[in-house]
Amino acid sequence: MIKTDKHTKQKFYDFYLEEHQNMACRRLHFAGSSFGLLGLAKSIKTRSPKPLLKGIAAGYGCAWIGHFFFEKNKPASFKSPLKSFVSDFRMYTDVLRGRLSLKDRKFDKI
């Protein structure tokens, strides 16, 4: 069987979700992604890169705290930064759509 790009992306996302089982880590990721998006919006509004840079720093800071202190693993972004960035926003949208829970994994629909 030939691995397709879609198959490879799904396989990485499955791995990514395994690395985000702890609810505190997921919540910190969600908050961090929100900070990043707010920074992007403010950068567009003000035409300044500073809010975006602050949003990115806050986003990665939240995520790394989640991994080091709660999940007790290394962030996937250390090995696969682009795939991790894409997967983080996929996880973010899955939370918004109700497919992933920030309360308890038993409520996950994935």
N, C-alpha and C. Protein backbone atom coordinates (compact mmCIF):
# COMPACT_ATOMS: atom_id res chain seq x y z
N MET A 1 0.83 -1.18 0.00
CA MET A 1 0.00 0.00 0.00
C MET A 1 0.88 1.25 0.00
N ILE A 2 0.57 2.18 -0.87
CA ILE A 2 1.33 3.41 -0.98
C ILE A 2 0.77 4.43 0.00
N LYS A 3 1.66 5.02 0.77
CA LYS A 3 1.24 6.03 1.73
C LYS A 3 0.93 7.33 0.98
N THR A 4 -0.23 7.85 1.21
CA THR A 4 -0.58 9.12 0.59
C THR A 4 -0.23 10.26 1.53
N ASP A 5 -0.21 11.46 0.99
CA ASP A 5 0.06 12.62 1.82
C ASP A 5 -0.99 12.74 2.93
N LYS A 6 -2.25 12.44 2.58
CA LYS A 6 -3.33 12.50 3.57
C LYS A 6 -3.10 11.46 4.68
N HIS A 7 -2.66 10.28 4.29
CA HIS A 7 -2.37 9.22 5.27
C HIS A 7 -1.24 9.66 6.19
N THR A 8 -0.20 10.26 5.63
CA THR A 8 0.94 10.70 6.43
C THR A 8 0.52 11.79 7.40
N LYS A 9 -0.31 12.74 6.94
CA LYS A 9 -0.79 13.81 7.82
C LYS A 9 -1.63 13.24 8.95
N GLN A 10 -2.49 12.28 8.63
CA GLN A 10 -3.35 11.68 9.66
C GLN A 10 -2.51 10.91 10.67
N LYS A 11 -1.51 10.21 10.19
CA LYS A 11 -0.64 9.45 11.09
C LYS A 11 0.08 10.39 12.06
N PHE A 12 0.57 11.52 11.54
CA PHE A 12 1.22 12.48 12.43
C PHE A 12 0.22 13.07 13.40
N TYR A 13 -0.98 13.39 12.94
CA TYR A 13 -1.99 13.97 13.83
C TYR A 13 -2.38 12.99 14.93
N ASP A 14 -2.48 11.71 14.59
CA ASP A 14 -2.76 10.69 15.61
C ASP A 14 -1.65 10.69 16.67
N PHE A 15 -0.40 10.76 16.21
CA PHE A 15 0.74 10.84 17.13
C PHE A 15 0.63 12.12 17.96
N TYR A 16 0.29 13.22 17.32
CA TYR A 16 0.18 14.51 18.00
C TYR A 16 -0.86 14.46 19.11
N LEU A 17 -1.99 13.85 18.83
CA LEU A 17 -3.04 13.73 19.86
C LEU A 17 -2.59 12.85 21.02
N GLU A 18 -1.81 11.82 20.72
CA GLU A 18 -1.28 10.96 21.79
C GLU A 18 -0.38 11.77 22.73
N GLU A 19 0.28 12.77 22.19
CA GLU A 19 1.18 13.61 22.98
C GLU A 19 0.43 14.71 23.74
N HIS A 20 -0.91 14.73 23.59
CA HIS A 20 -1.74 15.76 24.24
C HIS A 20 -2.92 15.12 24.96
N GLN A 21 -2.63 14.21 25.85
CA GLN A 21 -3.67 13.52 26.61
C GLN A 21 -4.06 14.26 27.88
N ASN A 22 -3.13 14.99 28.45
CA ASN A 22 -3.37 15.71 29.70
C ASN A 22 -4.23 16.94 29.42
N MET A 23 -5.29 17.10 30.19
CA MET A 23 -6.23 18.20 29.94
C MET A 23 -5.61 19.58 30.19
N ALA A 24 -4.73 19.69 31.17
CA ALA A 24 -4.06 20.98 31.42
C ALA A 24 -3.20 21.35 30.21
N CYS A 25 -2.53 20.38 29.64
CA CYS A 25 -1.72 20.63 28.45
C CYS A 25 -2.60 21.07 27.29
N ARG A 26 -3.71 20.38 27.08
CA ARG A 26 -4.63 20.77 26.00
C ARG A 26 -5.17 22.17 26.21
N ARG A 27 -5.53 22.48 27.43
CA ARG A 27 -6.06 23.82 27.72
C ARG A 27 -5.01 24.89 27.45
N LEU A 28 -3.78 24.62 27.86
CA LEU A 28 -2.71 25.57 27.62
C LEU A 28 -2.46 25.74 26.12
N HIS A 29 -2.54 24.65 25.37
CA HIS A 29 -2.41 24.74 23.91
C HIS A 29 -3.52 25.60 23.32
N PHE A 30 -4.73 25.37 23.78
CA PHE A 30 -5.87 26.13 23.27
C PHE A 30 -5.70 27.62 23.58
N ALA A 31 -5.29 27.93 24.80
CA ALA A 31 -5.06 29.33 25.18
C ALA A 31 -3.93 29.92 24.34
N GLY A 32 -2.85 29.17 24.19
CA GLY A 32 -1.72 29.66 23.41
C GLY A 32 -2.07 29.92 21.96
N SER A 33 -2.83 29.02 21.36
CA SER A 33 -3.26 29.23 19.98
C SER A 33 -4.17 30.45 19.89
N SER A 34 -5.00 30.65 20.89
CA SER A 34 -5.86 31.83 20.92
C SER A 34 -5.03 33.11 21.00
N PHE A 35 -3.98 33.09 21.84
CA PHE A 35 -3.08 34.25 21.93
C PHE A 35 -2.42 34.52 20.58
N GLY A 36 -2.00 33.46 19.91
CA GLY A 36 -1.38 33.61 18.60
C GLY A 36 -2.33 34.23 17.59
N LEU A 37 -3.58 33.76 17.57
CA LEU A 37 -4.57 34.31 16.65
C LEU A 37 -4.91 35.76 16.98
N LEU A 38 -5.01 36.07 18.27
CA LEU A 38 -5.26 37.45 18.67
C LEU A 38 -4.10 38.36 18.27
N GLY A 39 -2.89 37.86 18.42
CA GLY A 39 -1.71 38.62 17.99
C GLY A 39 -1.72 38.86 16.50
N LEU A 40 -2.12 37.84 15.73
CA LEU A 40 -2.21 38.00 14.28
C LEU A 40 -3.24 39.07 13.92
N ALA A 41 -4.40 39.00 14.54
CA ALA A 41 -5.46 39.97 14.26
C ALA A 41 -5.01 41.39 14.61
N LYS A 42 -4.36 41.54 15.76
CA LYS A 42 -3.91 42.87 16.16
C LYS A 42 -2.80 43.37 15.24
N SER A 43 -1.94 42.48 14.79
CA SER A 43 -0.89 42.87 13.85
C SER A 43 -1.47 43.38 12.54
N ILE A 44 -2.50 42.71 12.08
CA ILE A 44 -3.16 43.15 10.85
C ILE A 44 -3.81 44.51 11.07
N LYS A 45 -4.48 44.66 12.20
CA LYS A 45 -5.19 45.91 12.50
C LYS A 45 -4.22 47.08 12.65
N THR A 46 -3.12 46.85 13.37
CA THR A 46 -2.17 47.94 13.64
C THR A 46 -1.06 48.04 12.60
N ARG A 47 -0.99 47.05 11.73
CA ARG A 47 0.08 46.98 10.71
C ARG A 47 1.46 46.99 11.36
N SER A 48 1.55 46.24 12.44
CA SER A 48 2.80 46.13 13.19
C SER A 48 3.06 44.65 13.46
N PRO A 49 4.30 44.21 13.34
CA PRO A 49 4.60 42.80 13.62
C PRO A 49 4.69 42.46 15.11
N LYS A 50 4.79 43.48 15.95
CA LYS A 50 5.00 43.22 17.39
C LYS A 50 3.91 42.37 18.02
N PRO A 51 2.62 42.67 17.80
CA PRO A 51 1.60 41.82 18.43
C PRO A 51 1.66 40.36 17.96
N LEU A 52 2.00 40.16 16.71
CA LEU A 52 2.13 38.79 16.20
C LEU A 52 3.28 38.07 16.90
N LEU A 53 4.40 38.75 17.02
CA LEU A 53 5.55 38.13 17.70
C LEU A 53 5.24 37.82 19.16
N LYS A 54 4.53 38.73 19.81
CA LYS A 54 4.12 38.47 21.20
C LYS A 54 3.13 37.31 21.28
N GLY A 55 2.21 37.24 20.33
CA GLY A 55 1.25 36.13 20.29
C GLY A 55 1.93 34.79 20.07
N ILE A 56 2.90 34.77 19.17
CA ILE A 56 3.65 33.54 18.91
C ILE A 56 4.42 33.12 20.16
N ALA A 57 5.09 34.08 20.80
CA ALA A 57 5.85 33.77 22.02
C ALA A 57 4.93 33.25 23.12
N ALA A 58 3.78 33.90 23.29
CA ALA A 58 2.83 33.45 24.31
C ALA A 58 2.28 32.07 23.97
N GLY A 59 2.02 31.84 22.69
CA GLY A 59 1.49 30.55 22.26
C GLY A 59 2.46 29.41 22.52
N TYR A 60 3.70 29.60 22.10
CA TYR A 60 4.69 28.54 22.35
C TYR A 60 5.00 28.41 23.83
N GLY A 61 5.01 29.52 24.56
CA GLY A 61 5.24 29.45 26.00
C GLY A 61 4.19 28.61 26.70
N CYS A 62 2.92 28.85 26.37
CA CYS A 62 1.83 28.05 26.95
C CYS A 62 1.99 26.57 26.60
N ALA A 63 2.26 26.30 25.34
CA ALA A 63 2.38 24.91 24.90
C ALA A 63 3.53 24.20 25.60
N TRP A 64 4.67 24.85 25.67
CA TRP A 64 5.83 24.22 26.28
C TRP A 64 5.64 24.01 27.78
N ILE A 65 5.00 24.95 28.46
CA ILE A 65 4.68 24.75 29.88
C ILE A 65 3.78 23.52 30.02
N GLY A 66 2.80 23.40 29.14
CA GLY A 66 1.90 22.24 29.16
C GLY A 66 2.64 20.93 29.01
N HIS A 67 3.61 20.91 28.13
CA HIS A 67 4.37 19.67 27.91
C HIS A 67 5.34 19.38 29.05
N PHE A 68 6.10 20.37 29.45
CA PHE A 68 7.14 20.12 30.46
C PHE A 68 6.59 19.86 31.85
N PHE A 69 5.50 20.55 32.21
CA PHE A 69 5.01 20.44 33.58
C PHE A 69 3.80 19.51 33.74
N PHE A 70 3.02 19.34 32.71
CA PHE A 70 1.80 18.54 32.84
C PHE A 70 1.87 17.23 32.04
N GLU A 71 2.21 17.33 30.79
CA GLU A 71 2.24 16.14 29.93
C GLU A 71 3.50 15.32 30.18
N LYS A 72 4.54 15.98 30.63
CA LYS A 72 5.84 15.33 30.94
C LYS A 72 6.46 14.70 29.69
N ASN A 73 6.39 15.42 28.57
CA ASN A 73 7.04 14.97 27.34
C ASN A 73 7.60 16.18 26.60
N LYS A 74 8.36 15.92 25.56
CA LYS A 74 8.93 17.00 24.75
C LYS A 74 7.93 17.41 23.69
N PRO A 75 7.80 18.71 23.45
CA PRO A 75 6.90 19.15 22.39
C PRO A 75 7.31 18.57 21.04
N ALA A 76 6.32 18.18 20.26
CA ALA A 76 6.58 17.63 18.92
C ALA A 76 7.22 18.67 18.02
N SER A 77 7.04 19.94 18.36
CA SER A 77 7.61 21.02 17.54
C SER A 77 9.14 20.99 17.54
N PHE A 78 9.75 20.32 18.50
CA PHE A 78 11.20 20.22 18.52
C PHE A 78 11.72 19.38 17.37
N LYS A 79 10.95 18.37 16.96
CA LYS A 79 11.38 17.48 15.87
C LYS A 79 10.71 17.83 14.54
N SER A 80 9.45 18.22 14.59
CA SER A 80 8.69 18.50 13.37
C SER A 80 7.92 19.81 13.53
N PRO A 81 8.61 20.95 13.41
CA PRO A 81 7.95 22.22 13.70
C PRO A 81 6.75 22.54 12.80
N LEU A 82 6.87 22.32 11.51
CA LEU A 82 5.77 22.66 10.61
C LEU A 82 4.57 21.74 10.80
N LYS A 83 4.83 20.43 10.87
CA LYS A 83 3.74 19.48 11.09
C LYS A 83 3.05 19.74 12.42
N SER A 84 3.83 20.09 13.43
CA SER A 84 3.26 20.37 14.75
C SER A 84 2.41 21.63 14.73
N PHE A 85 2.87 22.65 14.02
CA PHE A 85 2.12 23.89 13.92
C PHE A 85 0.76 23.63 13.26
N VAL A 86 0.78 22.88 12.16
CA VAL A 86 -0.47 22.54 11.46
C VAL A 86 -1.37 21.69 12.36
N SER A 87 -0.79 20.71 13.02
CA SER A 87 -1.57 19.83 13.89
C SER A 87 -2.15 20.58 15.08
N ASP A 88 -1.42 21.57 15.59
CA ASP A 88 -1.94 22.35 16.71
C ASP A 88 -3.22 23.08 16.30
N PHE A 89 -3.23 23.66 15.11
CA PHE A 89 -4.44 24.35 14.68
C PHE A 89 -5.55 23.38 14.28
N ARG A 90 -5.15 22.19 13.87
CA ARG A 90 -6.18 21.16 13.64
C ARG A 90 -6.81 20.77 14.97
N MET A 91 -5.99 20.60 16.00
CA MET A 91 -6.51 20.28 17.32
C MET A 91 -7.38 21.42 17.83
N TYR A 92 -6.96 22.65 17.60
CA TYR A 92 -7.72 23.84 18.00
C TYR A 92 -9.12 23.82 17.37
N THR A 93 -9.18 23.55 16.06
CA THR A 93 -10.48 23.52 15.39
C THR A 93 -11.30 22.32 15.84
N ASP A 94 -10.64 21.20 16.15
CA ASP A 94 -11.38 20.04 16.66
C ASP A 94 -12.00 20.34 18.02
N VAL A 95 -11.33 21.13 18.84
CA VAL A 95 -11.92 21.55 20.12
C VAL A 95 -13.11 22.46 19.86
N LEU A 96 -12.95 23.43 18.96
CA LEU A 96 -14.06 24.34 18.65
C LEU A 96 -15.27 23.61 18.08
N ARG A 97 -15.03 22.55 17.33
CA ARG A 97 -16.12 21.77 16.73
C ARG A 97 -16.71 20.74 17.68
N GLY A 98 -16.15 20.62 18.87
CA GLY A 98 -16.66 19.67 19.84
C GLY A 98 -16.16 18.25 19.63
N ARG A 99 -15.16 18.07 18.80
CA ARG A 99 -14.61 16.73 18.54
C ARG A 99 -13.59 16.31 19.59
N LEU A 100 -12.94 17.31 20.22
CA LEU A 100 -11.99 17.06 21.31
C LEU A 100 -12.44 17.86 22.52
N SER A 101 -12.28 17.27 23.68
CA SER A 101 -12.72 17.90 24.91
C SER A 101 -11.55 18.57 25.64
N LEU A 102 -11.87 19.64 26.34
CA LEU A 102 -10.92 20.25 27.26
C LEU A 102 -11.27 19.91 28.70
N LYS A 103 -12.29 19.06 28.89
CA LYS A 103 -12.71 18.63 30.22
C LYS A 103 -12.19 17.24 30.57
N ASP A 104 -12.43 16.29 29.67
CA ASP A 104 -12.06 14.90 29.94
C ASP A 104 -11.97 14.16 28.60
N ARG A 105 -10.95 13.32 28.48
CA ARG A 105 -10.76 12.56 27.23
C ARG A 105 -11.93 11.68 26.91
N LYS A 106 -12.73 11.27 27.90
CA LYS A 106 -13.86 10.40 27.63
C LYS A 106 -14.89 11.08 26.74
N PHE A 107 -14.81 12.41 26.62
CA PHE A 107 -15.74 13.14 25.77
C PHE A 107 -15.20 13.35 24.35
N ASP A 108 -13.97 12.91 24.09
CA ASP A 108 -13.40 13.02 22.74
C ASP A 108 -14.21 12.19 21.76
N LYS A 109 -14.37 12.69 20.57
CA LYS A 109 -15.12 11.98 19.53
C LYS A 109 -14.19 11.57 18.39
N ILE A 110 -12.92 11.63 18.62
CA ILE A 110 -11.94 11.24 17.60
C ILE A 110 -11.29 9.94 18.02
